[in-house]
Amino acid sequence: MDVRNSPMLLIAVLFLGTVHITSTRVLDPCDIARELYQHGIPRHQLNDWVCLVMSESSGKTDAVNEYNTDGSKDYGLFQINDRYWCGPGNACGVACSELLKDNIKKAVDCARKIYNEGTNQFGEKLYFASWEGWKKKCQGRHLEDRTKCLNQPSCNCGRNSSFR
């Protein structure tokens, strides 16, 4: 049998050409706390930041929300919106795809910018209020102390790979 003219080989090659493997990290709250702290988030803010990440993306570095009513999308751990923050000409100056990477530095930098620039119509600081998940699940609540995670070694238990 001549495999060069085989229809099954052609189908297999076409199928394999469309399949790609991606590495996704799903961070647990302690992983998040340690990484945020390594990227400059102050210790006294870690509980809010960890709650934010868990409420927005459940710790998934590749999370994308495509269901905003205005047609915009939210990307990464912090669910950063492409209408205002990521993408060409937007405030963070980073491609939205960069917010989906396992190295979360660019996502943290952009989230910190959102945190620092958020104000209401009276010029009062909003900080985390730019995120609906934080307002619904974190604001005004007693949050678990995630600073204790900084004293625990990372076990890499929350890292995994998945096929897309």
Protein backbone atom coordinates (compact mmCIF):
# COMPACT_ATOMS: atom_id res chain seq x y z
CA MET A 1 0.00 0.00 0.00
CA ASP A 2 1.33 3.41 -0.97
CA VAL A 3 0.87 5.61 2.14
CA ARG A 4 1.44 8.80 0.16
CA ASN A 5 -1.97 8.38 -1.49
CA SER A 6 -3.77 7.05 1.58
CA PRO A 7 -6.96 9.00 2.51
CA MET A 8 -6.63 7.89 6.15
CA LEU A 9 -3.12 9.32 6.34
CA LEU A 10 -4.37 12.61 4.94
CA ILE A 11 -7.18 12.72 7.50
CA ALA A 12 -4.79 11.91 10.35
CA VAL A 13 -2.34 14.62 9.24
CA LEU A 14 -5.11 17.19 8.95
CA PHE A 15 -6.49 16.27 12.39
CA LEU A 16 -3.10 16.40 14.08
CA GLY A 17 -2.44 19.76 12.42
CA THR A 18 -5.47 21.24 14.18
CA VAL A 19 -4.77 19.78 17.62
CA HIS A 20 -2.40 21.68 19.88
CA ILE A 21 -1.29 21.04 23.38
CA THR A 22 -1.23 23.90 25.84
CA SER A 23 0.12 24.07 29.31
CA THR A 24 -2.33 25.55 31.75
CA ARG A 25 -1.68 26.35 35.34
CA VAL A 26 -4.42 26.16 37.88
CA LEU A 27 -3.10 27.87 40.97
CA ASP A 28 -4.41 27.16 44.43
CA PRO A 29 -4.81 30.09 46.85
CA CYS A 30 -1.39 29.56 48.44
CA ASP A 31 0.32 29.40 45.03
CA ILE A 32 -1.43 32.65 44.15
CA ALA A 33 -0.37 34.34 47.38
CA ARG A 34 3.28 33.33 46.93
CA GLU A 35 3.42 34.42 43.29
CA LEU A 36 1.66 37.72 43.93
CA TYR A 37 4.06 38.47 46.77
CA GLN A 38 7.03 37.62 44.52
CA HIS A 39 5.66 40.09 41.98
CA GLY A 40 5.45 42.93 44.49
CA ILE A 41 1.94 42.74 45.92
CA PRO A 42 2.23 43.94 49.54
CA ARG A 43 1.73 41.35 52.26
CA HIS A 44 -1.14 43.31 53.84
CA GLN A 45 -3.11 43.19 50.55
CA LEU A 46 -2.63 39.49 49.75
CA ASN A 47 -5.96 38.32 51.17
CA ASP A 48 -7.89 40.68 48.89
CA TRP A 49 -5.77 39.88 45.83
CA VAL A 50 -6.10 36.12 46.34
CA CYS A 51 -9.85 36.46 46.83
CA LEU A 52 -9.99 38.56 43.65
CA VAL A 53 -8.16 35.92 41.59
CA MET A 54 -10.23 33.06 42.96
CA SER A 55 -13.50 34.93 42.38
CA GLU A 56 -12.58 35.97 38.84
CA SER A 57 -10.75 32.96 37.36
CA SER A 58 -10.62 30.23 40.03
CA GLY A 59 -6.84 30.44 39.66
CA LYS A 60 -6.76 29.43 35.97
CA THR A 61 -4.02 31.26 34.07
CA ASP A 62 -5.77 30.73 30.74
CA ALA A 63 -9.31 31.76 31.75
CA VAL A 64 -11.22 33.74 29.10
CA ASN A 65 -14.73 35.12 29.53
CA GLU A 66 -16.34 35.72 26.15
CA TYR A 67 -19.83 36.46 27.48
CA ASN A 68 -19.80 40.17 28.34
CA THR A 69 -22.94 41.93 27.17
CA ASP A 70 -20.91 44.62 25.40
CA GLY A 71 -19.02 42.04 23.30
CA SER A 72 -15.73 42.54 25.12
CA LYS A 73 -13.67 39.68 26.61
CA ASP A 74 -11.89 39.22 29.94
CA TYR A 75 -8.50 37.50 30.12
CA GLY A 76 -6.39 35.57 32.59
CA LEU A 77 -6.20 35.26 36.35
CA PHE A 78 -7.60 38.75 36.93
CA GLN A 79 -10.12 38.67 34.05
CA ILE A 80 -8.73 41.86 32.51
CA ASN A 81 -11.04 43.41 29.94
CA ASP A 82 -9.93 43.97 26.35
CA ARG A 83 -12.14 47.00 25.87
CA TYR A 84 -10.23 49.10 28.38
CA TRP A 85 -7.02 47.45 29.51
CA CYS A 86 -5.38 44.91 27.19
CA GLY A 87 -4.95 44.90 23.44
CA PRO A 88 -3.78 47.52 20.95
CA GLY A 89 -3.82 51.05 22.32
CA ASN A 90 -5.33 50.14 25.68
CA ALA A 91 -4.13 51.30 29.09
CA CYS A 92 -1.89 48.38 30.09
CA GLY A 93 -0.04 48.32 26.78
CA VAL A 94 -0.02 44.52 26.72
CA ALA A 95 -1.52 42.02 24.31
CA CYS A 96 -4.44 40.17 25.87
CA SER A 97 -2.76 36.87 24.99
CA GLU A 98 0.13 37.83 27.32
CA LEU A 99 -2.35 37.73 30.21
CA LEU A 100 -2.96 34.02 29.59
CA LYS A 101 0.62 32.90 30.07
CA ASP A 102 1.94 30.80 32.92
CA ASN A 103 4.35 33.60 33.83
CA ILE A 104 1.91 35.98 35.50
CA LYS A 105 4.17 39.07 35.71
CA LYS A 106 2.42 41.01 32.92
CA ALA A 107 -1.01 40.09 34.30
CA VAL A 108 0.01 41.28 37.79
CA ASP A 109 1.46 44.51 36.38
CA CYS A 110 -1.76 45.25 34.48
CA ALA A 111 -3.97 44.34 37.47
CA ARG A 112 -1.89 46.65 39.67
CA LYS A 113 -2.43 49.45 37.14
CA ILE A 114 -6.20 48.87 37.23
CA TYR A 115 -6.08 48.83 41.03
CA ASN A 116 -4.12 52.11 41.18
CA GLU A 117 -6.09 53.98 38.51
CA GLY A 118 -9.63 53.07 39.54
CA THR A 119 -11.68 56.04 40.73
CA ASN A 120 -15.37 56.93 40.84
CA GLN A 121 -17.04 60.08 39.50
CA PHE A 122 -15.99 61.96 42.65
CA GLY A 123 -12.32 61.08 42.22
CA GLU A 124 -12.37 58.66 45.15
CA LYS A 125 -10.14 55.58 44.88
CA LEU A 126 -11.97 52.37 43.97
CA TYR A 127 -9.04 49.96 44.19
CA PHE A 128 -10.64 46.51 43.80
CA ALA A 129 -14.07 47.86 42.90
CA SER A 130 -13.21 47.62 39.20
CA TRP A 131 -13.76 43.85 39.55
CA GLU A 132 -17.31 42.55 39.94
CA GLY A 133 -16.06 39.27 41.39
CA TRP A 134 -14.27 41.07 44.20
CA LYS A 135 -17.32 43.23 44.99
CA LYS A 136 -19.61 40.19 45.13
CA LYS A 137 -17.38 37.67 46.91
CA CYS A 138 -14.68 39.60 48.80
CA GLN A 139 -15.68 43.16 49.68
CA GLY A 140 -16.62 43.58 53.33
CA ARG A 141 -16.10 39.89 54.14
CA HIS A 142 -13.73 38.22 56.54
CA LEU A 143 -11.13 36.71 54.21
CA GLU A 144 -8.91 33.77 54.99
CA ASP A 145 -5.37 34.76 55.96
CA ARG A 146 -3.25 33.87 52.95
CA THR A 147 -0.08 35.45 54.37
CA LYS A 148 0.52 32.14 56.18
CA CYS A 149 1.15 30.64 52.74
CA LEU A 150 4.34 32.69 52.45
CA ASN A 151 5.90 30.53 55.16
CA GLN A 152 5.00 27.27 53.45
CA PRO A 153 7.11 25.77 50.65
CA SER A 154 5.42 25.45 47.29
CA CYS A 155 4.58 21.87 46.40
CA ASN A 156 3.63 22.61 42.77
CA CYS A 157 0.44 20.69 43.52
CA GLY A 158 -1.75 23.18 41.67
CA ARG A 159 0.13 22.95 38.39
CA ASN A 160 -1.16 20.69 35.72
CA SER A 161 -1.37 20.41 32.00
CA SER A 162 -4.42 19.97 29.96
CA PHE A 163 -5.29 19.42 26.34
CA ARG A 164 -7.34 21.93 24.53
